[in-house]
Amino acid sequence: MVPPPGVPVGSLVAAGKVALGFQQLSELMNLEGIAVLGPLPAAIQTLTVFSGGICSASSRPDEARALLQFMASAQVIDMKRQHGMEPPR
């Protein structure tokens, strides 16, 4: 079963509509009725890598660069982990 657009897989699991579902940890961990027991084994995980860039026509490239640098900094490692994400290795 593929959930309808905008319906988190975890909400279907929590409601008992499906017995098993897979969704990104950051999207599952705060859903009511879901208890995250741990990650999938590394051999079967699919990692999502987020990236950012600055448009060449940006009117504020310095501010955009500062934001990207902050998001990649050590200052936000704990925040990323609190939200189910891992910093780059």
PDB file of N, CA and C in Angstrom:
ATOM      1  N   MET A   1       0.850  -1.190   0.000  1.00  0.00           N
ATOM      2  CA  MET A   1       0.000   0.000   0.000  1.00  0.00           C
ATOM      3  C   MET A   1       0.886   1.241   0.000  1.00  0.00           C
ATOM      4  N   VAL A   2       0.559   2.180  -0.811  1.00  0.00           N
ATOM      5  CA  VAL A   2       1.233   3.471  -0.830  1.00  0.00           C
ATOM      6  C   VAL A   2       0.271   4.478  -0.210  1.00  0.00           C
ATOM      7  N   PRO A   3       0.718   5.196   0.810  1.00  0.00           N
ATOM      8  CA  PRO A   3      -0.203   6.134   1.453  1.00  0.00           C
ATOM      9  C   PRO A   3      -0.564   7.291   0.528  1.00  0.00           C
ATOM     10  N   PRO A   4      -1.713   7.886   0.751  1.00  0.00           N
ATOM     11  CA  PRO A   4      -2.096   9.056  -0.041  1.00  0.00           C
ATOM     12  C   PRO A   4      -1.101  10.199   0.202  1.00  0.00           C
ATOM     13  N   PRO A   5      -0.964  11.115  -0.740  1.00  0.00           N
ATOM     14  CA  PRO A   5      -0.068  12.254  -0.548  1.00  0.00           C
ATOM     15  C   PRO A   5      -0.376  12.999   0.747  1.00  0.00           C
ATOM     16  N   GLY A   6       0.669  13.322   1.485  1.00  0.00           N
ATOM     17  CA  GLY A   6       0.516  14.076   2.725  1.00  0.00           C
ATOM     18  C   GLY A   6       0.174  13.249   3.951  1.00  0.00           C
ATOM     19  N   VAL A   7      -0.005  11.931   3.795  1.00  0.00           N
ATOM     20  CA  VAL A   7      -0.319  11.070   4.930  1.00  0.00           C
ATOM     21  C   VAL A   7       0.948  10.330   5.345  1.00  0.00           C
ATOM     22  N   PRO A   8       1.483  10.617   6.530  1.00  0.00           N
ATOM     23  CA  PRO A   8       2.685   9.931   6.968  1.00  0.00           C
ATOM     24  C   PRO A   8       2.442   8.428   7.160  1.00  0.00           C
ATOM     25  N   VAL A   9       3.388   7.633   6.697  1.00  0.00           N
ATOM     26  CA  VAL A   9       3.293   6.179   6.862  1.00  0.00           C
ATOM     27  C   VAL A   9       3.109   5.825   8.330  1.00  0.00           C
ATOM     28  N   GLY A  10       3.844   6.508   9.192  1.00  0.00           N
ATOM     29  CA  GLY A  10       3.752   6.229  10.622  1.00  0.00           C
ATOM     30  C   GLY A  10       2.359   6.418  11.184  1.00  0.00           C
ATOM     31  N   SER A  11       1.593   7.352  10.649  1.00  0.00           N
ATOM     32  CA  SER A  11       0.227   7.547  11.147  1.00  0.00           C
ATOM     33  C   SER A  11      -0.645   6.349  10.795  1.00  0.00           C
ATOM     34  N   LEU A  12      -0.382   5.700   9.666  1.00  0.00           N
ATOM     35  CA  LEU A  12      -1.133   4.497   9.296  1.00  0.00           C
ATOM     36  C   LEU A  12      -0.777   3.335  10.214  1.00  0.00           C
ATOM     37  N   VAL A  13       0.500   3.239  10.577  1.00  0.00           N
ATOM     38  CA  VAL A  13       0.935   2.194  11.518  1.00  0.00           C
ATOM     39  C   VAL A  13       0.302   2.450  12.883  1.00  0.00           C
ATOM     40  N   ALA A  14       0.382   3.694  13.359  1.00  0.00           N
ATOM     41  CA  ALA A  14      -0.170   4.040  14.675  1.00  0.00           C
ATOM     42  C   ALA A  14      -1.669   3.783  14.751  1.00  0.00           C
ATOM     43  N   ALA A  15      -2.378   3.971  13.654  1.00  0.00           N
ATOM     44  CA  ALA A  15      -3.834   3.767  13.621  1.00  0.00           C
ATOM     45  C   ALA A  15      -4.215   2.308  13.415  1.00  0.00           C
ATOM     46  N   GLY A  16      -3.213   1.440  13.203  1.00  0.00           N
ATOM     47  CA  GLY A  16      -3.494   0.028  12.996  1.00  0.00           C
ATOM     48  C   GLY A  16      -3.983  -0.301  11.589  1.00  0.00           C
ATOM     49  N   LYS A  17      -3.846   0.631  10.660  1.00  0.00           N
ATOM     50  CA  LYS A  17      -4.299   0.389   9.291  1.00  0.00           C
ATOM     51  C   LYS A  17      -3.302  -0.448   8.496  1.00  0.00           C
ATOM     52  N   VAL A  18      -2.036  -0.419   8.907  1.00  0.00           N
ATOM     53  CA  VAL A  18      -1.003  -1.272   8.318  1.00  0.00           C
ATOM     54  C   VAL A  18      -0.143  -1.808   9.460  1.00  0.00           C
ATOM     55  N   ALA A  19       0.447  -2.963   9.253  1.00  0.00           N
ATOM     56  CA  ALA A  19       1.232  -3.593  10.312  1.00  0.00           C
ATOM     57  C   ALA A  19       2.695  -3.160  10.299  1.00  0.00           C
ATOM     58  N   LEU A  20       3.172  -2.705   9.156  1.00  0.00           N
ATOM     59  CA  LEU A  20       4.584  -2.359   9.025  1.00  0.00           C
ATOM     60  C   LEU A  20       4.719  -1.216   8.036  1.00  0.00           C
ATOM     61  N   GLY A  21       5.567  -0.275   8.360  1.00  0.00           N
ATOM     62  CA  GLY A  21       5.795   0.848   7.460  1.00  0.00           C
ATOM     63  C   GLY A  21       7.214   1.344   7.595  1.00  0.00           C
ATOM     64  N   PHE A  22       7.707   1.988   6.564  1.00  0.00           N
ATOM     65  CA  PHE A  22       9.050   2.548   6.576  1.00  0.00           C
ATOM     66  C   PHE A  22       8.960   4.017   6.224  1.00  0.00           C
ATOM     67  N   GLN A  23       9.659   4.834   7.006  1.00  0.00           N
ATOM     68  CA  GLN A  23       9.633   6.274   6.810  1.00  0.00           C
ATOM     69  C   GLN A  23      10.899   6.827   7.443  1.00  0.00           C
ATOM     70  N   GLN A  24      11.317   8.012   7.053  1.00  0.00           N
ATOM     71  CA  GLN A  24      12.511   8.603   7.634  1.00  0.00           C
ATOM     72  C   GLN A  24      12.316   8.818   9.126  1.00  0.00           C
ATOM     73  N   LEU A  25      13.377   8.546   9.885  1.00  0.00           N
ATOM     74  CA  LEU A  25      13.335   8.677  11.343  1.00  0.00           C
ATOM     75  C   LEU A  25      12.862  10.063  11.762  1.00  0.00           C
ATOM     76  N   SER A  26      13.355  11.101  11.110  1.00  0.00           N
ATOM     77  CA  SER A  26      12.979  12.464  11.488  1.00  0.00           C
ATOM     78  C   SER A  26      11.476  12.705  11.343  1.00  0.00           C
ATOM     79  N   GLU A  27      10.820  11.951  10.479  1.00  0.00           N
ATOM     80  CA  GLU A  27       9.381  12.095  10.286  1.00  0.00           C
ATOM     81  C   GLU A  27       8.580  11.187  11.217  1.00  0.00           C
ATOM     82  N   LEU A  28       9.188  10.103  11.659  1.00  0.00           N
ATOM     83  CA  LEU A  28       8.490   9.143  12.527  1.00  0.00           C
ATOM     84  C   LEU A  28       8.552   9.507  14.005  1.00  0.00           C
ATOM     85  N   MET A  29       9.671  10.023  14.435  1.00  0.00           N
ATOM     86  CA  MET A  29       9.962  10.101  15.864  1.00  0.00           C
ATOM     87  C   MET A  29       9.008  10.968  16.683  1.00  0.00           C
ATOM     88  N   ASN A  30       8.292  11.870  16.054  1.00  0.00           N
ATOM     89  CA  ASN A  30       7.377  12.736  16.805  1.00  0.00           C
ATOM     90  C   ASN A  30       5.908  12.450  16.532  1.00  0.00           C
ATOM     91  N   LEU A  31       5.628  11.331  15.861  1.00  0.00           N
ATOM     92  CA  LEU A  31       4.234  10.982  15.601  1.00  0.00           C
ATOM     93  C   LEU A  31       3.618  10.304  16.824  1.00  0.00           C
ATOM     94  N   GLU A  32       2.431  10.740  17.186  1.00  0.00           N
ATOM     95  CA  GLU A  32       1.712  10.130  18.304  1.00  0.00           C
ATOM     96  C   GLU A  32       1.416   8.669  17.973  1.00  0.00           C
ATOM     97  N   GLY A  33       1.645   7.792  18.948  1.00  0.00           N
ATOM     98  CA  GLY A  33       1.371   6.373  18.760  1.00  0.00           C
ATOM     99  C   GLY A  33       2.528   5.588  18.183  1.00  0.00           C
ATOM    100  N   ILE A  34       3.666   6.247  17.957  1.00  0.00           N
ATOM    101  CA  ILE A  34       4.846   5.581  17.409  1.00  0.00           C
ATOM    102  C   ILE A  34       5.937   5.540  18.468  1.00  0.00           C
ATOM    103  N   ALA A  35       6.517   4.375  18.654  1.00  0.00           N
ATOM    104  CA  ALA A  35       7.681   4.215  19.523  1.00  0.00           C
ATOM    105  C   ALA A  35       8.828   3.721  18.646  1.00  0.00           C
ATOM    106  N   VAL A  36       9.840   4.539  18.483  1.00  0.00           N
ATOM    107  CA  VAL A  36      10.994   4.154  17.670  1.00  0.00           C
ATOM    108  C   VAL A  36      11.888   3.270  18.519  1.00  0.00           C
ATOM    109  N   LEU A  37      12.122   2.061  18.051  1.00  0.00           N
ATOM    110  CA  LEU A  37      12.941   1.109  18.788  1.00  0.00           C
ATOM    111  C   LEU A  37      14.411   1.192  18.420  1.00  0.00           C
ATOM    112  N   GLY A  38      14.690   1.720  17.256  1.00  0.00           N
ATOM    113  CA  GLY A  38      16.066   1.864  16.806  1.00  0.00           C
ATOM    114  C   GLY A  38      16.113   1.924  15.301  1.00  0.00           C
ATOM    115  N   PRO A  39      17.305   2.167  14.767  1.00  0.00           N
ATOM    116  CA  PRO A  39      17.432   2.255  13.309  1.00  0.00           C
ATOM    117  C   PRO A  39      17.455   0.885  12.651  1.00  0.00           C
ATOM    118  N   LEU A  40      17.209   0.870  11.364  1.00  0.00           N
ATOM    119  CA  LEU A  40      17.371  -0.361  10.585  1.00  0.00           C
ATOM    120  C   LEU A  40      18.852  -0.714  10.554  1.00  0.00           C
ATOM    121  N   PRO A  41      19.188  -1.963  10.359  1.00  0.00           N
ATOM    122  CA  PRO A  41      20.592  -2.332  10.223  1.00  0.00           C
ATOM    123  C   PRO A  41      21.238  -1.544   9.069  1.00  0.00           C
ATOM    124  N   ALA A  42      22.488  -1.189   9.239  1.00  0.00           N
ATOM    125  CA  ALA A  42      23.185  -0.368   8.244  1.00  0.00           C
ATOM    126  C   ALA A  42      23.118  -0.974   6.844  1.00  0.00           C
ATOM    127  N   ALA A  43      23.142  -2.288   6.756  1.00  0.00           N
ATOM    128  CA  ALA A  43      23.161  -2.955   5.449  1.00  0.00           C
ATOM    129  C   ALA A  43      21.888  -2.709   4.644  1.00  0.00           C
ATOM    130  N   ILE A  44      20.788  -2.341   5.304  1.00  0.00           N
ATOM    131  CA  ILE A  44      19.541  -2.123   4.560  1.00  0.00           C
ATOM    132  C   ILE A  44      19.014  -0.697   4.681  1.00  0.00           C
ATOM    133  N   GLN A  45      19.775   0.177   5.304  1.00  0.00           N
ATOM    134  CA  GLN A  45      19.352   1.578   5.405  1.00  0.00           C
ATOM    135  C   GLN A  45      19.557   2.294   4.081  1.00  0.00           C
ATOM    136  N   THR A  46      18.707   3.249   3.825  1.00  0.00           N
ATOM    137  CA  THR A  46      18.900   4.167   2.721  1.00  0.00           C
ATOM    138  C   THR A  46      19.050   5.551   3.340  1.00  0.00           C
ATOM    139  N   LEU A  47      20.166   6.161   3.134  1.00  0.00           N
ATOM    140  CA  LEU A  47      20.413   7.479   3.714  1.00  0.00           C
ATOM    141  C   LEU A  47      19.987   8.566   2.726  1.00  0.00           C
ATOM    142  N   THR A  48      19.403   9.612   3.265  1.00  0.00           N
ATOM    143  CA  THR A  48      19.041  10.778   2.474  1.00  0.00           C
ATOM    144  C   THR A  48      20.056  11.865   2.772  1.00  0.00           C
ATOM    145  N   VAL A  49      20.659  12.399   1.741  1.00  0.00           N
ATOM    146  CA  VAL A  49      21.647  13.463   1.904  1.00  0.00           C
ATOM    147  C   VAL A  49      21.012  14.766   1.429  1.00  0.00           C
ATOM    148  N   PHE A  50      21.034  15.754   2.309  1.00  0.00           N
ATOM    149  CA  PHE A  50      20.509  17.065   1.971  1.00  0.00           C
ATOM    150  C   PHE A  50      21.672  17.961   1.563  1.00  0.00           C
ATOM    151  N   SER A  51      21.446  18.795   0.585  1.00  0.00           N
ATOM    152  CA  SER A  51      22.486  19.734   0.161  1.00  0.00           C
ATOM    153  C   SER A  51      21.846  21.082  -0.095  1.00  0.00           C
ATOM    154  N   GLY A  52      22.663  22.109  -0.132  1.00  0.00           N
ATOM    155  CA  GLY A  52      22.152  23.446  -0.381  1.00  0.00           C
ATOM    156  C   GLY A  52      23.092  24.187  -1.307  1.00  0.00           C
ATOM    157  N   GLY A  53      22.570  25.151  -1.976  1.00  0.00           N
ATOM    158  CA  GLY A  53      23.365  25.970  -2.876  1.00  0.00           C
ATOM    159  C   GLY A  53      22.804  27.374  -2.921  1.00  0.00           C
ATOM    160  N   ILE A  54      23.541  28.234  -3.574  1.00  0.00           N
ATOM    161  CA  ILE A  54      23.144  29.632  -3.685  1.00  0.00           C
ATOM    162  C   ILE A  54      22.920  29.946  -5.156  1.00  0.00           C
ATOM    163  N   CYS A  55      21.771  30.448  -5.475  1.00  0.00           N
ATOM    164  CA  CYS A  55      21.431  30.810  -6.844  1.00  0.00           C
ATOM    165  C   CYS A  55      22.352  31.940  -7.313  1.00  0.00           C
ATOM    166  N   SER A  56      22.819  31.843  -8.540  1.00  0.00           N
ATOM    167  CA  SER A  56      23.724  32.875  -9.060  1.00  0.00           C
ATOM    168  C   SER A  56      23.039  34.236  -9.157  1.00  0.00           C
ATOM    169  N   ALA A  57      21.722  34.258  -9.186  1.00  0.00           N
ATOM    170  CA  ALA A  57      20.978  35.518  -9.256  1.00  0.00           C
ATOM    171  C   ALA A  57      20.529  36.003  -7.872  1.00  0.00           C
ATOM    172  N   SER A  58      21.012  35.358  -6.812  1.00  0.00           N
ATOM    173  CA  SER A  58      20.597  35.738  -5.463  1.00  0.00           C
ATOM    174  C   SER A  58      20.937  37.196  -5.174  1.00  0.00           C
ATOM    175  N   SER A  59      19.998  37.883  -4.537  1.00  0.00           N
ATOM    176  CA  SER A  59      20.255  39.271  -4.147  1.00  0.00           C
ATOM    177  C   SER A  59      20.937  39.338  -2.782  1.00  0.00           C
ATOM    178  N   ARG A  60      21.033  38.182  -2.110  1.00  0.00           N
ATOM    179  CA  ARG A  60      21.649  38.148  -0.773  1.00  0.00           C
ATOM    180  C   ARG A  60      22.567  36.932  -0.637  1.00  0.00           C
ATOM    181  N   PRO A  61      23.563  36.803  -1.495  1.00  0.00           N
ATOM    182  CA  PRO A  61      24.421  35.615  -1.447  1.00  0.00           C
ATOM    183  C   PRO A  61      25.218  35.487  -0.154  1.00  0.00           C
ATOM    184  N   ASP A  62      25.611  36.606   0.437  1.00  0.00           N
ATOM    185  CA  ASP A  62      26.390  36.519   1.682  1.00  0.00           C
ATOM    186  C   ASP A  62      25.548  35.941   2.817  1.00  0.00           C
ATOM    187  N   GLU A  63      24.293  36.360   2.908  1.00  0.00           N
ATOM    188  CA  GLU A  63      23.411  35.839   3.943  1.00  0.00           C
ATOM    189  C   GLU A  63      23.113  34.362   3.703  1.00  0.00           C
ATOM    190  N   ALA A  64      22.902  33.994   2.442  1.00  0.00           N
ATOM    191  CA  ALA A  64      22.651  32.588   2.110  1.00  0.00           C
ATOM    192  C   ALA A  64      23.870  31.737   2.455  1.00  0.00           C
ATOM    193  N   ARG A  65      25.061  32.214   2.133  1.00  0.00           N
ATOM    194  CA  ARG A  65      26.295  31.494   2.447  1.00  0.00           C
ATOM    195  C   ARG A  65      26.452  31.330   3.964  1.00  0.00           C
ATOM    196  N   ALA A  66      26.149  32.387   4.714  1.00  0.00           N
ATOM    197  CA  ALA A  66      26.246  32.320   6.182  1.00  0.00           C
ATOM    198  C   ALA A  66      25.272  31.285   6.742  1.00  0.00           C
ATOM    199  N   LEU A  67      24.063  31.232   6.201  1.00  0.00           N
ATOM    200  CA  LEU A  67      23.080  30.245   6.659  1.00  0.00           C
ATOM    201  C   LEU A  67      23.575  28.827   6.368  1.00  0.00           C
ATOM    202  N   LEU A  68      24.051  28.590   5.163  1.00  0.00           N
ATOM    203  CA  LEU A  68      24.554  27.254   4.820  1.00  0.00           C
ATOM    204  C   LEU A  68      25.743  26.864   5.689  1.00  0.00           C
ATOM    205  N   GLN A  69      26.631  27.819   5.951  1.00  0.00           N
ATOM    206  CA  GLN A  69      27.780  27.534   6.813  1.00  0.00           C
ATOM    207  C   GLN A  69      27.329  27.197   8.233  1.00  0.00           C
ATOM    208  N   PHE A  70      26.340  27.927   8.730  1.00  0.00           N
ATOM    209  CA  PHE A  70      25.808  27.631  10.064  1.00  0.00           C
ATOM    210  C   PHE A  70      25.187  26.239  10.101  1.00  0.00           C
ATOM    211  N   MET A  71      24.406  25.912   9.079  1.00  0.00           N
ATOM    212  CA  MET A  71      23.745  24.602   9.050  1.00  0.00           C
ATOM    213  C   MET A  71      24.747  23.448   8.960  1.00  0.00           C
ATOM    214  N   ALA A  72      25.935  23.710   8.447  1.00  0.00           N
ATOM    215  CA  ALA A  72      26.972  22.684   8.334  1.00  0.00           C
ATOM    216  C   ALA A  72      27.943  22.715   9.513  1.00  0.00           C
ATOM    217  N   SER A  73      27.752  23.628  10.447  1.00  0.00           N
ATOM    218  CA  SER A  73      28.699  23.817  11.543  1.00  0.00           C
ATOM    219  C   SER A  73      28.483  22.824  12.690  1.00  0.00           C
ATOM    220  N   ALA A  74      29.494  22.742  13.532  1.00  0.00           N
ATOM    221  CA  ALA A  74      29.426  21.890  14.721  1.00  0.00           C
ATOM    222  C   ALA A  74      28.373  22.394  15.715  1.00  0.00           C
ATOM    223  N   GLN A  75      27.995  23.653  15.624  1.00  0.00           N
ATOM    224  CA  GLN A  75      27.005  24.235  16.541  1.00  0.00           C
ATOM    225  C   GLN A  75      25.653  23.538  16.471  1.00  0.00           C
ATOM    226  N   VAL A  76      25.322  22.950  15.337  1.00  0.00           N
ATOM    227  CA  VAL A  76      23.986  22.386  15.167  1.00  0.00           C
ATOM    228  C   VAL A  76      23.964  20.852  15.177  1.00  0.00           C
ATOM    229  N   ILE A  77      25.083  20.218  15.482  1.00  0.00           N
ATOM    230  CA  ILE A  77      25.132  18.749  15.495  1.00  0.00           C
ATOM    231  C   ILE A  77      24.105  18.174  16.463  1.00  0.00           C
ATOM    232  N   ASP A  78      24.061  18.689  17.685  1.00  0.00           N
ATOM    233  CA  ASP A  78      23.096  18.158  18.669  1.00  0.00           C
ATOM    234  C   ASP A  78      21.653  18.382  18.220  1.00  0.00           C
ATOM    235  N   MET A  79      21.376  19.526  17.627  1.00  0.00           N
ATOM    236  CA  MET A  79      20.021  19.816  17.150  1.00  0.00           C
ATOM    237  C   MET A  79      19.624  18.842  16.049  1.00  0.00           C
ATOM    238  N   LYS A  80      20.550  18.544  15.152  1.00  0.00           N
ATOM    239  CA  LYS A  80      20.256  17.581  14.085  1.00  0.00           C
ATOM    240  C   LYS A  80      19.916  16.225  14.682  1.00  0.00           C
ATOM    241  N   ARG A  81      20.694  15.778  15.639  1.00  0.00           N
ATOM    242  CA  ARG A  81      20.441  14.472  16.261  1.00  0.00           C
ATOM    243  C   ARG A  81      19.117  14.451  17.014  1.00  0.00           C
ATOM    244  N   GLN A  82      18.761  15.548  17.673  1.00  0.00           N
ATOM    245  CA  GLN A  82      17.479  15.630  18.391  1.00  0.00           C
ATOM    246  C   GLN A  82      16.299  15.477  17.432  1.00  0.00           C
ATOM    247  N   HIS A  83      16.516  15.768  16.175  1.00  0.00           N
ATOM    248  CA  HIS A  83      15.448  15.702  15.182  1.00  0.00           C
ATOM    249  C   HIS A  83      15.616  14.526  14.232  1.00  0.00           C
ATOM    250  N   GLY A  84      16.419  13.524  14.662  1.00  0.00           N
ATOM    251  CA  GLY A  84      16.525  12.288  13.911  1.00  0.00           C
ATOM    252  C   GLY A  84      17.463  12.313  12.723  1.00  0.00           C
ATOM    253  N   MET A  85      18.340  13.277  12.687  1.00  0.00           N
ATOM    254  CA  MET A  85      19.280  13.383  11.575  1.00  0.00           C
ATOM    255  C   MET A  85      20.706  13.232  12.087  1.00  0.00           C
ATOM    256  N   GLU A  86      21.599  12.893  11.201  1.00  0.00           N
ATOM    257  CA  GLU A  86      23.015  12.769  11.544  1.00  0.00           C
ATOM    258  C   GLU A  86      23.800  13.811  10.762  1.00  0.00           C
ATOM    259  N   PRO A  87      24.827  14.375  11.389  1.00  0.00           N
ATOM    260  CA  PRO A  87      25.660  15.329  10.654  1.00  0.00           C
ATOM    261  C   PRO A  87      26.487  14.590   9.608  1.00  0.00           C
ATOM    262  N   PRO A  88      26.982  15.314   8.605  1.00  0.00           N
ATOM    263  CA  PRO A  88      27.817  14.650   7.595  1.00  0.00           C
ATOM    264  C   PRO A  88      29.080  14.069   8.220  1.00  0.00           C
ATOM    265  N   ARG A  89      29.579  13.034   7.576  1.00  0.00           N
ATOM    266  CA  ARG A  89      30.799  12.387   8.111  1.00  0.00           C
ATOM    267  C   ARG A  89      31.991  12.787   7.308  1.00  0.00           C
TER     268      ARG A  89
END
